Amino acid sequence: MAYRPLGAAAILRRNLLIYGAGGIVIPFIGIKIIDVLINACISSNAMKTLLSELKTSLVLTIVLAVLLCGAYPVAVWAGAQLLFPRQRAAA
């Protein structure tokens, strides 16, 4: 495999896609869907429970994705820029 130099923005975008979506969000959605389906089969009011659980799961997944894949990395980056100004200038 040949070395391809990439900019920091391209590397960050690729890593967020691979590790953010592929490693956290997608497995969580799959596991939650399985859990909701199993619980809906056990519950007497299956369809109402299923839709309620799916709505809650979807909202929480979106909120956590924004926080953990967006706000947290930006906060760490901003903190590093403030705490280490000489390293920022050298890059």
PDB file of N, CA and C in Angstrom:
ATOM      1  N   MET A   1       0.845  -1.172   0.000  1.00  0.00           N
ATOM      2  CA  MET A   1       0.000   0.000   0.000  1.00  0.00           C
ATOM      3  C   MET A   1       0.893   1.239   0.000  1.00  0.00           C
ATOM      4  N   ALA A   2       0.631   2.132  -0.914  1.00  0.00           N
ATOM      5  CA  ALA A   2       1.446   3.332  -1.051  1.00  0.00           C
ATOM      6  C   ALA A   2       0.994   4.396  -0.051  1.00  0.00           C
ATOM      7  N   TYR A   3       1.941   5.179   0.396  1.00  0.00           N
ATOM      8  CA  TYR A   3       1.656   6.271   1.330  1.00  0.00           C
ATOM      9  C   TYR A   3       1.025   7.431   0.582  1.00  0.00           C
ATOM     10  N   ARG A   4      -0.069   7.934   1.107  1.00  0.00           N
ATOM     11  CA  ARG A   4      -0.731   9.109   0.537  1.00  0.00           C
ATOM     12  C   ARG A   4      -0.819  10.173   1.608  1.00  0.00           C
ATOM     13  N   PRO A   5      -0.154  11.283   1.434  1.00  0.00           N
ATOM     14  CA  PRO A   5      -0.269  12.346   2.439  1.00  0.00           C
ATOM     15  C   PRO A   5      -1.670  12.958   2.396  1.00  0.00           C
ATOM     16  N   LEU A   6      -2.258  13.090   3.583  1.00  0.00           N
ATOM     17  CA  LEU A   6      -3.586  13.688   3.705  1.00  0.00           C
ATOM     18  C   LEU A   6      -3.530  14.841   4.686  1.00  0.00           C
ATOM     19  N   GLY A   7      -4.408  15.789   4.496  1.00  0.00           N
ATOM     20  CA  GLY A   7      -4.502  16.896   5.426  1.00  0.00           C
ATOM     21  C   GLY A   7      -5.221  16.472   6.699  1.00  0.00           C
ATOM     22  N   ALA A   8      -5.111  17.299   7.725  1.00  0.00           N
ATOM     23  CA  ALA A   8      -5.730  16.994   9.010  1.00  0.00           C
ATOM     24  C   ALA A   8      -7.249  16.910   8.889  1.00  0.00           C
ATOM     25  N   ALA A   9      -7.852  17.753   8.082  1.00  0.00           N
ATOM     26  CA  ALA A   9      -9.318  17.740   7.932  1.00  0.00           C
ATOM     27  C   ALA A   9      -9.790  16.431   7.308  1.00  0.00           C
ATOM     28  N   ALA A  10      -9.069  15.944   6.312  1.00  0.00           N
ATOM     29  CA  ALA A  10      -9.453  14.682   5.668  1.00  0.00           C
ATOM     30  C   ALA A  10      -9.297  13.504   6.622  1.00  0.00           C
ATOM     31  N   ILE A  11      -8.229  13.507   7.391  1.00  0.00           N
ATOM     32  CA  ILE A  11      -8.016  12.421   8.353  1.00  0.00           C
ATOM     33  C   ILE A  11      -9.085  12.452   9.436  1.00  0.00           C
ATOM     34  N   LEU A  12      -9.402  13.641   9.960  1.00  0.00           N
ATOM     35  CA  LEU A  12     -10.439  13.761  10.984  1.00  0.00           C
ATOM     36  C   LEU A  12     -11.782  13.301  10.446  1.00  0.00           C
ATOM     37  N   ARG A  13     -12.144  13.717   9.255  1.00  0.00           N
ATOM     38  CA  ARG A  13     -13.417  13.325   8.649  1.00  0.00           C
ATOM     39  C   ARG A  13     -13.501  11.812   8.488  1.00  0.00           C
ATOM     40  N   ARG A  14     -12.419  11.193   7.996  1.00  0.00           N
ATOM     41  CA  ARG A  14     -12.403   9.740   7.816  1.00  0.00           C
ATOM     42  C   ARG A  14     -12.507   9.008   9.150  1.00  0.00           C
ATOM     43  N   ASN A  15     -11.753   9.462  10.149  1.00  0.00           N
ATOM     44  CA  ASN A  15     -11.778   8.807  11.456  1.00  0.00           C
ATOM     45  C   ASN A  15     -13.130   8.964  12.145  1.00  0.00           C
ATOM     46  N   LEU A  16     -13.767  10.129  12.028  1.00  0.00           N
ATOM     47  CA  LEU A  16     -15.097  10.305  12.616  1.00  0.00           C
ATOM     48  C   LEU A  16     -16.111   9.386  11.956  1.00  0.00           C
ATOM     49  N   LEU A  17     -15.997   9.214  10.653  1.00  0.00           N
ATOM     50  CA  LEU A  17     -16.916   8.325   9.955  1.00  0.00           C
ATOM     51  C   LEU A  17     -16.698   6.876  10.372  1.00  0.00           C
ATOM     52  N   ILE A  18     -15.445   6.448  10.399  1.00  0.00           N
ATOM     53  CA  ILE A  18     -15.146   5.051  10.729  1.00  0.00           C
ATOM     54  C   ILE A  18     -15.437   4.752  12.189  1.00  0.00           C
ATOM     55  N   TYR A  19     -14.871   5.540  13.094  1.00  0.00           N
ATOM     56  CA  TYR A  19     -14.973   5.230  14.515  1.00  0.00           C
ATOM     57  C   TYR A  19     -16.243   5.789  15.153  1.00  0.00           C
ATOM     58  N   GLY A  20     -16.746   6.895  14.643  1.00  0.00           N
ATOM     59  CA  GLY A  20     -17.971   7.469  15.202  1.00  0.00           C
ATOM     60  C   GLY A  20     -19.199   6.694  14.767  1.00  0.00           C
ATOM     61  N   ALA A  21     -19.440   6.632  13.468  1.00  0.00           N
ATOM     62  CA  ALA A  21     -20.639   5.959  12.963  1.00  0.00           C
ATOM     63  C   ALA A  21     -20.476   4.449  12.994  1.00  0.00           C
ATOM     64  N   GLY A  22     -19.382   3.972  12.444  1.00  0.00           N
ATOM     65  CA  GLY A  22     -19.211   2.530  12.331  1.00  0.00           C
ATOM     66  C   GLY A  22     -18.953   1.820  13.633  1.00  0.00           C
ATOM     67  N   GLY A  23     -18.321   2.501  14.572  1.00  0.00           N
ATOM     68  CA  GLY A  23     -17.946   1.833  15.804  1.00  0.00           C
ATOM     69  C   GLY A  23     -18.903   2.017  16.952  1.00  0.00           C
ATOM     70  N   ILE A  24     -19.698   3.083  16.927  1.00  0.00           N
ATOM     71  CA  ILE A  24     -20.559   3.377  18.075  1.00  0.00           C
ATOM     72  C   ILE A  24     -22.020   3.435  17.670  1.00  0.00           C
ATOM     73  N   VAL A  25     -22.352   4.245  16.715  1.00  0.00           N
ATOM     74  CA  VAL A  25     -23.750   4.530  16.407  1.00  0.00           C
ATOM     75  C   VAL A  25     -24.447   3.326  15.770  1.00  0.00           C
ATOM     76  N   ILE A  26     -23.876   2.759  14.748  1.00  0.00           N
ATOM     77  CA  ILE A  26     -24.538   1.675  14.027  1.00  0.00           C
ATOM     78  C   ILE A  26     -24.738   0.434  14.901  1.00  0.00           C
ATOM     79  N   PRO A  27     -23.729  -0.050  15.645  1.00  0.00           N
ATOM     80  CA  PRO A  27     -23.988  -1.192  16.525  1.00  0.00           C
ATOM     81  C   PRO A  27     -25.033  -0.890  17.595  1.00  0.00           C
ATOM     82  N   PHE A  28     -25.035   0.324  18.133  1.00  0.00           N
ATOM     83  CA  PHE A  28     -26.021   0.681  19.150  1.00  0.00           C
ATOM     84  C   PHE A  28     -27.430   0.584  18.594  1.00  0.00           C
ATOM     85  N   ILE A  29     -27.625   1.081  17.386  1.00  0.00           N
ATOM     86  CA  ILE A  29     -28.951   1.036  16.766  1.00  0.00           C
ATOM     87  C   ILE A  29     -29.387  -0.412  16.569  1.00  0.00           C
ATOM     88  N   GLY A  30     -28.492  -1.244  16.075  1.00  0.00           N
ATOM     89  CA  GLY A  30     -28.834  -2.656  15.867  1.00  0.00           C
ATOM     90  C   GLY A  30     -29.187  -3.372  17.154  1.00  0.00           C
ATOM     91  N   ILE A  31     -28.394  -3.170  18.189  1.00  0.00           N
ATOM     92  CA  ILE A  31     -28.657  -3.811  19.484  1.00  0.00           C
ATOM     93  C   ILE A  31     -29.970  -3.314  20.057  1.00  0.00           C
ATOM     94  N   LYS A  32     -30.244  -2.016  19.952  1.00  0.00           N
ATOM     95  CA  LYS A  32     -31.485  -1.471  20.497  1.00  0.00           C
ATOM     96  C   LYS A  32     -32.695  -1.998  19.751  1.00  0.00           C
ATOM     97  N   ILE A  33     -32.614  -2.139  18.449  1.00  0.00           N
ATOM     98  CA  ILE A  33     -33.732  -2.682  17.677  1.00  0.00           C
ATOM     99  C   ILE A  33     -34.031  -4.116  18.100  1.00  0.00           C
ATOM    100  N   ILE A  34     -32.996  -4.923  18.290  1.00  0.00           N
ATOM    101  CA  ILE A  34     -33.197  -6.293  18.765  1.00  0.00           C
ATOM    102  C   ILE A  34     -33.850  -6.294  20.137  1.00  0.00           C
ATOM    103  N   ASP A  35     -33.370  -5.429  21.032  1.00  0.00           N
ATOM    104  CA  ASP A  35     -33.935  -5.342  22.379  1.00  0.00           C
ATOM    105  C   ASP A  35     -35.397  -4.928  22.342  1.00  0.00           C
ATOM    106  N   VAL A  36     -35.717  -3.939  21.539  1.00  0.00           N
ATOM    107  CA  VAL A  36     -37.092  -3.461  21.444  1.00  0.00           C
ATOM    108  C   VAL A  36     -38.005  -4.546  20.881  1.00  0.00           C
ATOM    109  N   LEU A  37     -37.556  -5.262  19.866  1.00  0.00           N
ATOM    110  CA  LEU A  37     -38.375  -6.324  19.281  1.00  0.00           C
ATOM    111  C   LEU A  37     -38.638  -7.449  20.284  1.00  0.00           C
ATOM    112  N   ILE A  38     -37.623  -7.825  21.052  1.00  0.00           N
ATOM    113  CA  ILE A  38     -37.811  -8.870  22.058  1.00  0.00           C
ATOM    114  C   ILE A  38     -38.784  -8.404  23.133  1.00  0.00           C
ATOM    115  N   ASN A  39     -38.611  -7.175  23.617  1.00  0.00           N
ATOM    116  CA  ASN A  39     -39.510  -6.658  24.642  1.00  0.00           C
ATOM    117  C   ASN A  39     -40.931  -6.478  24.118  1.00  0.00           C
ATOM    118  N   ALA A  40     -41.083  -6.104  22.847  1.00  0.00           N
ATOM    119  CA  ALA A  40     -42.413  -5.928  22.266  1.00  0.00           C
ATOM    120  C   ALA A  40     -43.150  -7.256  22.151  1.00  0.00           C
ATOM    121  N   CYS A  41     -42.422  -8.319  21.890  1.00  0.00           N
ATOM    122  CA  CYS A  41     -43.054  -9.640  21.800  1.00  0.00           C
ATOM    123  C   CYS A  41     -43.547 -10.103  23.166  1.00  0.00           C
ATOM    124  N   ILE A  42     -42.877  -9.696  24.213  1.00  0.00           N
ATOM    125  CA  ILE A  42     -43.252 -10.103  25.568  1.00  0.00           C
ATOM    126  C   ILE A  42     -44.402  -9.242  26.086  1.00  0.00           C
ATOM    127  N   SER A  43     -44.430  -7.977  25.707  1.00  0.00           N
ATOM    128  CA  SER A  43     -45.414  -7.022  26.219  1.00  0.00           C
ATOM    129  C   SER A  43     -46.801  -7.297  25.635  1.00  0.00           C
ATOM    130  N   SER A  44     -47.846  -6.930  26.400  1.00  0.00           N
ATOM    131  CA  SER A  44     -49.221  -7.126  25.930  1.00  0.00           C
ATOM    132  C   SER A  44     -49.615  -6.037  24.927  1.00  0.00           C
ATOM    133  N   ASN A  45     -49.121  -4.836  25.109  1.00  0.00           N
ATOM    134  CA  ASN A  45     -49.421  -3.725  24.212  1.00  0.00           C
ATOM    135  C   ASN A  45     -48.218  -3.518  23.297  1.00  0.00           C
ATOM    136  N   ALA A  46     -47.970  -4.465  22.430  1.00  0.00           N
ATOM    137  CA  ALA A  46     -46.715  -4.567  21.692  1.00  0.00           C
ATOM    138  C   ALA A  46     -46.448  -3.383  20.764  1.00  0.00           C
ATOM    139  N   MET A  47     -47.371  -3.002  19.943  1.00  0.00           N
ATOM    140  CA  MET A  47     -47.102  -1.977  18.941  1.00  0.00           C
ATOM    141  C   MET A  47     -46.865  -0.612  19.577  1.00  0.00           C
ATOM    142  N   LYS A  48     -47.659  -0.243  20.566  1.00  0.00           N
ATOM    143  CA  LYS A  48     -47.477   1.045  21.224  1.00  0.00           C
ATOM    144  C   LYS A  48     -46.125   1.087  21.932  1.00  0.00           C
ATOM    145  N   THR A  49     -45.774   0.013  22.596  1.00  0.00           N
ATOM    146  CA  THR A  49     -44.481  -0.072  23.277  1.00  0.00           C
ATOM    147  C   THR A  49     -43.335  -0.004  22.269  1.00  0.00           C
ATOM    148  N   LEU A  50     -43.490  -0.705  21.162  1.00  0.00           N
ATOM    149  CA  LEU A  50     -42.451  -0.726  20.134  1.00  0.00           C
ATOM    150  C   LEU A  50     -42.196   0.681  19.587  1.00  0.00           C
ATOM    151  N   LEU A  51     -43.249   1.386  19.222  1.00  0.00           N
ATOM    152  CA  LEU A  51     -43.085   2.735  18.662  1.00  0.00           C
ATOM    153  C   LEU A  51     -42.522   3.710  19.691  1.00  0.00           C
ATOM    154  N   SER A  52     -42.965   3.598  20.922  1.00  0.00           N
ATOM    155  CA  SER A  52     -42.457   4.466  21.981  1.00  0.00           C
ATOM    156  C   SER A  52     -40.969   4.226  22.227  1.00  0.00           C
ATOM    157  N   GLU A  53     -40.583   2.964  22.305  1.00  0.00           N
ATOM    158  CA  GLU A  53     -39.168   2.619  22.515  1.00  0.00           C
ATOM    159  C   GLU A  53     -38.306   3.058  21.338  1.00  0.00           C
ATOM    160  N   LEU A  54     -38.795   2.868  20.127  1.00  0.00           N
ATOM    161  CA  LEU A  54     -38.023   3.274  18.952  1.00  0.00           C
ATOM    162  C   LEU A  54     -37.835   4.791  18.906  1.00  0.00           C
ATOM    163  N   LYS A  55     -38.871   5.540  19.254  1.00  0.00           N
ATOM    164  CA  LYS A  55     -38.763   6.995  19.266  1.00  0.00           C
ATOM    165  C   LYS A  55     -37.735   7.449  20.295  1.00  0.00           C
ATOM    166  N   THR A  56     -37.830   6.906  21.510  1.00  0.00           N
ATOM    167  CA  THR A  56     -36.870   7.258  22.561  1.00  0.00           C
ATOM    168  C   THR A  56     -35.449   6.890  22.152  1.00  0.00           C
ATOM    169  N   SER A  57     -35.279   5.717  21.587  1.00  0.00           N
ATOM    170  CA  SER A  57     -33.951   5.260  21.169  1.00  0.00           C
ATOM    171  C   SER A  57     -33.374   6.139  20.073  1.00  0.00           C
ATOM    172  N   LEU A  58     -34.201   6.508  19.124  1.00  0.00           N
ATOM    173  CA  LEU A  58     -33.726   7.338  18.026  1.00  0.00           C
ATOM    174  C   LEU A  58     -33.306   8.721  18.515  1.00  0.00           C
ATOM    175  N   VAL A  59     -34.113   9.322  19.369  1.00  0.00           N
ATOM    176  CA  VAL A  59     -33.789  10.654  19.900  1.00  0.00           C
ATOM    177  C   VAL A  59     -32.487  10.599  20.699  1.00  0.00           C
ATOM    178  N   LEU A  60     -32.355   9.606  21.573  1.00  0.00           N
ATOM    179  CA  LEU A  60     -31.136   9.500  22.383  1.00  0.00           C
ATOM    180  C   LEU A  60     -29.912   9.194  21.527  1.00  0.00           C
ATOM    181  N   THR A  61     -30.072   8.393  20.490  1.00  0.00           N
ATOM    182  CA  THR A  61     -28.950   8.094  19.596  1.00  0.00           C
ATOM    183  C   THR A  61     -28.473   9.361  18.900  1.00  0.00           C
ATOM    184  N   ILE A  62     -29.399  10.179  18.431  1.00  0.00           N
ATOM    185  CA  ILE A  62     -29.026  11.421  17.753  1.00  0.00           C
ATOM    186  C   ILE A  62     -28.347  12.382  18.729  1.00  0.00           C
ATOM    187  N   VAL A  63     -28.905  12.527  19.920  1.00  0.00           N
ATOM    188  CA  VAL A  63     -28.316  13.429  20.924  1.00  0.00           C
ATOM    189  C   VAL A  63     -26.908  12.975  21.297  1.00  0.00           C
ATOM    190  N   LEU A  64     -26.741  11.688  21.570  1.00  0.00           N
ATOM    191  CA  LEU A  64     -25.422  11.181  21.950  1.00  0.00           C
ATOM    192  C   LEU A  64     -24.431  11.261  20.788  1.00  0.00           C
ATOM    193  N   ALA A  65     -24.897  11.026  19.572  1.00  0.00           N
ATOM    194  CA  ALA A  65     -24.004  11.132  18.415  1.00  0.00           C
ATOM    195  C   ALA A  65     -23.496  12.555  18.258  1.00  0.00           C
ATOM    196  N   VAL A  66     -24.378  13.534  18.411  1.00  0.00           N
ATOM    197  CA  VAL A  66     -23.965  14.928  18.300  1.00  0.00           C
ATOM    198  C   VAL A  66     -22.978  15.277  19.403  1.00  0.00           C
ATOM    199  N   LEU A  67     -23.269  14.849  20.629  1.00  0.00           N
ATOM    200  CA  LEU A  67     -22.384  15.168  21.743  1.00  0.00           C
ATOM    201  C   LEU A  67     -21.040  14.460  21.632  1.00  0.00           C
ATOM    202  N   LEU A  68     -21.063  13.153  21.395  1.00  0.00           N
ATOM    203  CA  LEU A  68     -19.832  12.372  21.452  1.00  0.00           C
ATOM    204  C   LEU A  68     -19.021  12.413  20.164  1.00  0.00           C
ATOM    205  N   CYS A  69     -19.673  12.602  19.033  1.00  0.00           N
ATOM    206  CA  CYS A  69     -18.943  12.636  17.764  1.00  0.00           C
ATOM    207  C   CYS A  69     -18.724  14.051  17.253  1.00  0.00           C
ATOM    208  N   GLY A  70     -19.322  15.025  17.906  1.00  0.00           N
ATOM    209  CA  GLY A  70     -19.174  16.398  17.453  1.00  0.00           C
ATOM    210  C   GLY A  70     -18.660  17.326  18.532  1.00  0.00           C
ATOM    211  N   ALA A  71     -19.447  17.512  19.573  1.00  0.00           N
ATOM    212  CA  ALA A  71     -19.105  18.499  20.601  1.00  0.00           C
ATOM    213  C   ALA A  71     -17.866  18.104  21.391  1.00  0.00           C
ATOM    214  N   TYR A  72     -17.748  16.863  21.777  1.00  0.00           N
ATOM    215  CA  TYR A  72     -16.596  16.444  22.579  1.00  0.00           C
ATOM    216  C   TYR A  72     -15.277  16.573  21.811  1.00  0.00           C
ATOM    217  N   PRO A  73     -15.167  16.055  20.578  1.00  0.00           N
ATOM    218  CA  PRO A  73     -13.906  16.247  19.848  1.00  0.00           C
ATOM    219  C   PRO A  73     -13.562  17.721  19.617  1.00  0.00           C
ATOM    220  N   VAL A  74     -14.563  18.546  19.367  1.00  0.00           N
ATOM    221  CA  VAL A  74     -14.305  19.977  19.172  1.00  0.00           C
ATOM    222  C   VAL A  74     -13.808  20.602  20.474  1.00  0.00           C
ATOM    223  N   ALA A  75     -14.400  20.213  21.599  1.00  0.00           N
ATOM    224  CA  ALA A  75     -13.966  20.748  22.897  1.00  0.00           C
ATOM    225  C   ALA A  75     -12.531  20.322  23.209  1.00  0.00           C
ATOM    226  N   VAL A  76     -12.179  19.073  22.934  1.00  0.00           N
ATOM    227  CA  VAL A  76     -10.810  18.602  23.165  1.00  0.00           C
ATOM    228  C   VAL A  76      -9.841  19.339  22.248  1.00  0.00           C
ATOM    229  N   TRP A  77     -10.202  19.508  20.991  1.00  0.00           N
ATOM    230  CA  TRP A  77      -9.353  20.228  20.048  1.00  0.00           C
ATOM    231  C   TRP A  77      -9.144  21.672  20.501  1.00  0.00           C
ATOM    232  N   ALA A  78     -10.232  22.346  20.897  1.00  0.00           N
ATOM    233  CA  ALA A  78     -10.134  23.744  21.333  1.00  0.00           C
ATOM    234  C   ALA A  78      -9.281  23.860  22.595  1.00  0.00           C
ATOM    235  N   GLY A  79      -9.453  22.925  23.529  1.00  0.00           N
ATOM    236  CA  GLY A  79      -8.636  22.922  24.736  1.00  0.00           C
ATOM    237  C   GLY A  79      -7.165  22.739  24.417  1.00  0.00           C
ATOM    238  N   ALA A  80      -6.873  21.841  23.495  1.00  0.00           N
ATOM    239  CA  ALA A  80      -5.482  21.616  23.100  1.00  0.00           C
ATOM    240  C   ALA A  80      -4.901  22.852  22.424  1.00  0.00           C
ATOM    241  N   GLN A  81      -5.695  23.548  21.628  1.00  0.00           N
ATOM    242  CA  GLN A  81      -5.221  24.766  20.972  1.00  0.00           C
ATOM    243  C   GLN A  81      -4.883  25.846  22.001  1.00  0.00           C
ATOM    244  N   LEU A  82      -5.677  25.922  23.061  1.00  0.00           N
ATOM    245  CA  LEU A  82      -5.431  26.926  24.101  1.00  0.00           C
ATOM    246  C   LEU A  82      -4.278  26.543  25.021  1.00  0.00           C
ATOM    247  N   LEU A  83      -4.162  25.273  25.363  1.00  0.00           N
ATOM    248  CA  LEU A  83      -3.144  24.829  26.309  1.00  0.00           C
ATOM    249  C   LEU A  83      -1.755  24.675  25.695  1.00  0.00           C
ATOM    250  N   PHE A  84      -1.696  24.405  24.388  1.00  0.00           N
ATOM    251  CA  PHE A  84      -0.426  24.145  23.737  1.00  0.00           C
ATOM    252  C   PHE A  84      -0.237  25.037  22.508  1.00  0.00           C
ATOM    253  N   PRO A  85      -0.098  26.355  22.708  1.00  0.00           N
ATOM    254  CA  PRO A  85      -0.008  27.265  21.545  1.00  0.00           C
ATOM    255  C   PRO A  85       1.261  27.086  20.725  1.00  0.00           C
ATOM    256  N   ARG A  86       2.379  26.694  21.359  1.00  0.00           N
ATOM    257  CA  ARG A  86       3.623  26.511  20.586  1.00  0.00           C
ATOM    258  C   ARG A  86       3.518  25.330  19.647  1.00  0.00           C
ATOM    259  N   GLN A  87       2.896  24.248  20.084  1.00  0.00           N
ATOM    260  CA  GLN A  87       2.736  23.088  19.221  1.00  0.00           C
ATOM    261  C   GLN A  87       1.791  23.399  18.062  1.00  0.00           C
ATOM    262  N   ARG A  88       0.811  24.236  18.323  1.00  0.00           N
ATOM    263  CA  ARG A  88      -0.132  24.638  17.276  1.00  0.00           C
ATOM    264  C   ARG A  88       0.604  25.415  16.190  1.00  0.00           C
ATOM    265  N   ALA A  89       1.484  26.330  16.576  1.00  0.00           N
ATOM    266  CA  ALA A  89       2.228  27.144  15.621  1.00  0.00           C
ATOM    267  C   ALA A  89       3.236  26.304  14.831  1.00  0.00           C
ATOM    268  N   ALA A  90       3.764  25.244  15.436  1.00  0.00           N
ATOM    269  CA  ALA A  90       4.757  24.421  14.768  1.00  0.00           C
ATOM    270  C   ALA A  90       4.121  23.540  13.699  1.00  0.00           C
ATOM    271  N   ALA A  91       2.886  23.220  13.875  1.00  0.00           N
ATOM    272  CA  ALA A  91       2.211  22.339  12.901  1.00  0.00           C
ATOM    273  C   ALA A  91       1.843  23.151  11.700  1.00  0.00           C
TER     274      ALA A  91
END
